[in-house]
Amino acid sequence: MQTPTPAQIRTAIEVLEKLGERINHHAARSLLQIPPCHQAGEVAGQVATNAREQTTQVTAITGLLQTWHGELERKQRHHVSIHV
């Protein structure tokens, strides 16, 4: 398997950040669409919990990719400095 380039990792990070935004926007829209009923609070709580769990996972993966991105850039700078 070929190691992705820093640019490819940066693109993946940007996609995940957009996904996190979409999750939050979708949750907000869903909360506004909950009809008034005796279970509205429970449904709203579940929507909020699901959104929080999903964004936590996206944030964790984004963090790992950012770390990997930094490591690849350091290796590339080191490799370039050796060849110069």
N, C-alpha and C. Protein backbone atom coordinates (compact mmCIF):
# COMPACT_ATOMS: atom_id res chain seq x y z
N MET A 1 0.83 -1.17 0.00
CA MET A 1 0.00 0.00 0.00
C MET A 1 0.88 1.25 0.00
N GLN A 2 0.56 2.19 -0.85
CA GLN A 2 1.34 3.41 -0.98
C GLN A 2 0.94 4.42 0.10
N THR A 3 1.95 5.05 0.69
CA THR A 3 1.69 6.07 1.70
C THR A 3 1.10 7.30 1.03
N PRO A 4 0.03 7.85 1.58
CA PRO A 4 -0.56 9.05 0.99
C PRO A 4 0.38 10.24 1.12
N THR A 5 0.22 11.19 0.25
CA THR A 5 1.01 12.41 0.31
C THR A 5 0.43 13.34 1.37
N PRO A 6 1.22 14.30 1.84
CA PRO A 6 0.67 15.28 2.77
C PRO A 6 -0.55 16.01 2.20
N ALA A 7 -0.55 16.27 0.90
CA ALA A 7 -1.70 16.94 0.28
C ALA A 7 -2.95 16.06 0.35
N GLN A 8 -2.79 14.77 0.15
CA GLN A 8 -3.93 13.85 0.24
C GLN A 8 -4.46 13.77 1.67
N ILE A 9 -3.56 13.78 2.62
CA ILE A 9 -3.98 13.74 4.02
C ILE A 9 -4.69 15.05 4.38
N ARG A 10 -4.17 16.18 3.89
CA ARG A 10 -4.81 17.47 4.14
C ARG A 10 -6.22 17.49 3.57
N THR A 11 -6.39 16.91 2.38
CA THR A 11 -7.71 16.83 1.77
C THR A 11 -8.65 15.98 2.63
N ALA A 12 -8.15 14.86 3.13
CA ALA A 12 -8.96 14.00 3.99
C ALA A 12 -9.37 14.74 5.26
N ILE A 13 -8.46 15.52 5.82
CA ILE A 13 -8.77 16.30 7.02
C ILE A 13 -9.88 17.31 6.72
N GLU A 14 -9.77 17.99 5.58
CA GLU A 14 -10.79 18.97 5.20
C GLU A 14 -12.15 18.30 5.00
N VAL A 15 -12.16 17.13 4.40
CA VAL A 15 -13.41 16.39 4.19
C VAL A 15 -14.03 16.01 5.54
N LEU A 16 -13.22 15.54 6.45
CA LEU A 16 -13.73 15.16 7.77
C LEU A 16 -14.25 16.38 8.55
N GLU A 17 -13.56 17.52 8.40
CA GLU A 17 -14.05 18.73 9.06
C GLU A 17 -15.42 19.12 8.51
N LYS A 18 -15.59 19.02 7.19
CA LYS A 18 -16.89 19.30 6.57
C LYS A 18 -17.95 18.31 7.06
N LEU A 19 -17.56 17.05 7.21
CA LEU A 19 -18.49 16.04 7.71
C LEU A 19 -18.96 16.41 9.12
N GLY A 20 -18.04 16.83 9.97
CA GLY A 20 -18.41 17.25 11.32
C GLY A 20 -19.40 18.39 11.30
N GLU A 21 -19.17 19.35 10.40
CA GLU A 21 -20.11 20.47 10.26
C GLU A 21 -21.49 19.98 9.81
N ARG A 22 -21.50 19.07 8.84
CA ARG A 22 -22.78 18.54 8.34
C ARG A 22 -23.54 17.79 9.43
N ILE A 23 -22.82 17.03 10.23
CA ILE A 23 -23.45 16.29 11.33
C ILE A 23 -24.15 17.28 12.27
N ASN A 24 -23.44 18.35 12.62
CA ASN A 24 -24.02 19.35 13.54
C ASN A 24 -25.21 20.07 12.91
N HIS A 25 -25.10 20.44 11.63
CA HIS A 25 -26.22 21.11 10.96
C HIS A 25 -27.43 20.18 10.85
N HIS A 26 -27.17 18.92 10.53
CA HIS A 26 -28.27 17.96 10.41
C HIS A 26 -28.96 17.77 11.77
N ALA A 27 -28.17 17.67 12.82
CA ALA A 27 -28.75 17.51 14.16
C ALA A 27 -29.60 18.73 14.52
N ALA A 28 -29.09 19.92 14.21
CA ALA A 28 -29.85 21.14 14.51
C ALA A 28 -31.18 21.17 13.74
N ARG A 29 -31.14 20.80 12.46
CA ARG A 29 -32.38 20.76 11.67
C ARG A 29 -33.33 19.70 12.22
N SER A 30 -32.79 18.56 12.60
CA SER A 30 -33.62 17.49 13.14
C SER A 30 -34.31 17.93 14.42
N LEU A 31 -33.59 18.65 15.27
CA LEU A 31 -34.18 19.13 16.53
C LEU A 31 -35.35 20.08 16.26
N LEU A 32 -35.20 20.90 15.23
CA LEU A 32 -36.28 21.84 14.90
C LEU A 32 -37.51 21.15 14.34
N GLN A 33 -37.33 19.95 13.80
CA GLN A 33 -38.43 19.24 13.16
C GLN A 33 -39.15 18.26 14.09
N ILE A 34 -38.69 18.14 15.32
CA ILE A 34 -39.34 17.23 16.26
C ILE A 34 -40.71 17.79 16.62
N PRO A 35 -41.75 17.04 16.36
CA PRO A 35 -43.09 17.55 16.69
C PRO A 35 -43.30 17.58 18.21
N PRO A 36 -44.09 18.51 18.66
CA PRO A 36 -44.36 18.57 20.10
C PRO A 36 -45.14 17.33 20.55
N CYS A 37 -44.59 16.64 21.48
CA CYS A 37 -45.25 15.47 22.06
C CYS A 37 -44.57 15.18 23.39
N HIS A 38 -45.08 14.21 24.10
CA HIS A 38 -44.54 13.92 25.42
C HIS A 38 -43.15 13.27 25.34
N GLN A 39 -42.76 12.77 24.18
CA GLN A 39 -41.44 12.14 24.01
C GLN A 39 -40.44 13.07 23.32
N ALA A 40 -40.81 14.31 23.06
CA ALA A 40 -39.93 15.23 22.33
C ALA A 40 -38.59 15.41 23.03
N GLY A 41 -38.62 15.52 24.34
CA GLY A 41 -37.37 15.69 25.09
C GLY A 41 -36.44 14.50 24.94
N GLU A 42 -37.02 13.31 24.99
CA GLU A 42 -36.23 12.09 24.85
C GLU A 42 -35.63 11.98 23.45
N VAL A 43 -36.44 12.29 22.44
CA VAL A 43 -35.96 12.24 21.05
C VAL A 43 -34.87 13.28 20.84
N ALA A 44 -35.07 14.48 21.35
CA ALA A 44 -34.07 15.54 21.22
C ALA A 44 -32.76 15.14 21.90
N GLY A 45 -32.88 14.53 23.05
CA GLY A 45 -31.68 14.06 23.75
C GLY A 45 -30.92 13.02 22.96
N GLN A 46 -31.65 12.12 22.32
CA GLN A 46 -31.01 11.08 21.52
C GLN A 46 -30.33 11.67 20.28
N VAL A 47 -30.99 12.63 19.64
CA VAL A 47 -30.40 13.29 18.47
C VAL A 47 -29.10 13.99 18.88
N ALA A 48 -29.15 14.71 20.00
CA ALA A 48 -27.96 15.42 20.47
C ALA A 48 -26.84 14.46 20.85
N THR A 49 -27.20 13.37 21.50
CA THR A 49 -26.20 12.37 21.89
C THR A 49 -25.55 11.74 20.66
N ASN A 50 -26.36 11.37 19.68
CA ASN A 50 -25.82 10.77 18.47
C ASN A 50 -24.88 11.74 17.75
N ALA A 51 -25.29 13.00 17.64
CA ALA A 51 -24.45 13.99 16.97
C ALA A 51 -23.14 14.17 17.72
N ARG A 52 -23.20 14.23 19.03
CA ARG A 52 -21.99 14.40 19.85
C ARG A 52 -21.04 13.21 19.67
N GLU A 53 -21.59 11.99 19.69
CA GLU A 53 -20.75 10.80 19.51
C GLU A 53 -20.09 10.79 18.13
N GLN A 54 -20.87 11.13 17.11
CA GLN A 54 -20.33 11.13 15.76
C GLN A 54 -19.26 12.20 15.58
N THR A 55 -19.49 13.39 16.10
CA THR A 55 -18.48 14.44 15.95
C THR A 55 -17.24 14.13 16.78
N THR A 56 -17.41 13.45 17.90
CA THR A 56 -16.25 13.03 18.70
C THR A 56 -15.39 12.07 17.90
N GLN A 57 -16.02 11.12 17.22
CA GLN A 57 -15.27 10.18 16.39
C GLN A 57 -14.56 10.88 15.23
N VAL A 58 -15.28 11.79 14.57
CA VAL A 58 -14.68 12.55 13.46
C VAL A 58 -13.50 13.36 13.96
N THR A 59 -13.65 14.00 15.11
CA THR A 59 -12.57 14.81 15.68
C THR A 59 -11.36 13.94 16.02
N ALA A 60 -11.60 12.77 16.56
CA ALA A 60 -10.50 11.87 16.91
C ALA A 60 -9.73 11.44 15.66
N ILE A 61 -10.44 11.07 14.62
CA ILE A 61 -9.79 10.65 13.37
C ILE A 61 -9.06 11.82 12.73
N THR A 62 -9.68 12.99 12.77
CA THR A 62 -9.04 14.19 12.22
C THR A 62 -7.73 14.47 12.95
N GLY A 63 -7.75 14.33 14.26
CA GLY A 63 -6.53 14.53 15.05
C GLY A 63 -5.43 13.56 14.67
N LEU A 64 -5.79 12.31 14.47
CA LEU A 64 -4.80 11.32 14.06
C LEU A 64 -4.22 11.67 12.69
N LEU A 65 -5.08 12.08 11.78
CA LEU A 65 -4.60 12.47 10.44
C LEU A 65 -3.70 13.71 10.51
N GLN A 66 -4.04 14.65 11.37
CA GLN A 66 -3.19 15.84 11.51
C GLN A 66 -1.81 15.47 12.04
N THR A 67 -1.77 14.53 12.98
CA THR A 67 -0.49 14.06 13.50
C THR A 67 0.31 13.39 12.40
N TRP A 68 -0.34 12.52 11.64
CA TRP A 68 0.32 11.82 10.54
C TRP A 68 0.80 12.82 9.49
N HIS A 69 0.00 13.82 9.19
CA HIS A 69 0.35 14.86 8.23
C HIS A 69 1.64 15.56 8.68
N GLY A 70 1.69 15.94 9.95
CA GLY A 70 2.88 16.60 10.48
C GLY A 70 4.12 15.72 10.40
N GLU A 71 3.95 14.44 10.71
CA GLU A 71 5.08 13.51 10.63
C GLU A 71 5.59 13.37 9.21
N LEU A 72 4.68 13.25 8.25
CA LEU A 72 5.09 13.13 6.85
C LEU A 72 5.80 14.39 6.37
N GLU A 73 5.31 15.54 6.76
CA GLU A 73 5.98 16.78 6.36
C GLU A 73 7.37 16.89 6.96
N ARG A 74 7.53 16.50 8.22
CA ARG A 74 8.85 16.52 8.85
C ARG A 74 9.80 15.57 8.13
N LYS A 75 9.31 14.39 7.79
CA LYS A 75 10.15 13.43 7.08
C LYS A 75 10.56 13.96 5.71
N GLN A 76 9.63 14.61 5.03
CA GLN A 76 9.95 15.17 3.71
C GLN A 76 10.98 16.29 3.83
N ARG A 77 10.84 17.17 4.83
CA ARG A 77 11.82 18.25 5.03
C ARG A 77 13.19 17.66 5.36
N HIS A 78 13.20 16.64 6.19
CA HIS A 78 14.46 15.99 6.56
C HIS A 78 15.09 15.35 5.34
N HIS A 79 14.29 14.68 4.53
CA HIS A 79 14.77 14.02 3.32
C HIS A 79 15.33 15.06 2.34
N VAL A 80 14.65 16.18 2.20
CA VAL A 80 15.12 17.24 1.29
C VAL A 80 16.42 17.83 1.81
N SER A 81 16.54 18.06 3.11
CA SER A 81 17.75 18.67 3.67
C SER A 81 18.96 17.75 3.52
N ILE A 82 18.73 16.46 3.51
CA ILE A 82 19.84 15.51 3.33
C ILE A 82 20.34 15.57 1.88
N HIS A 83 19.43 15.76 0.93
CA HIS A 83 19.80 15.76 -0.49
C HIS A 83 20.34 17.11 -0.96
N VAL A 84 20.20 18.13 -0.17
CA VAL A 84 20.66 19.47 -0.62
C VAL A 84 22.10 19.67 -0.30
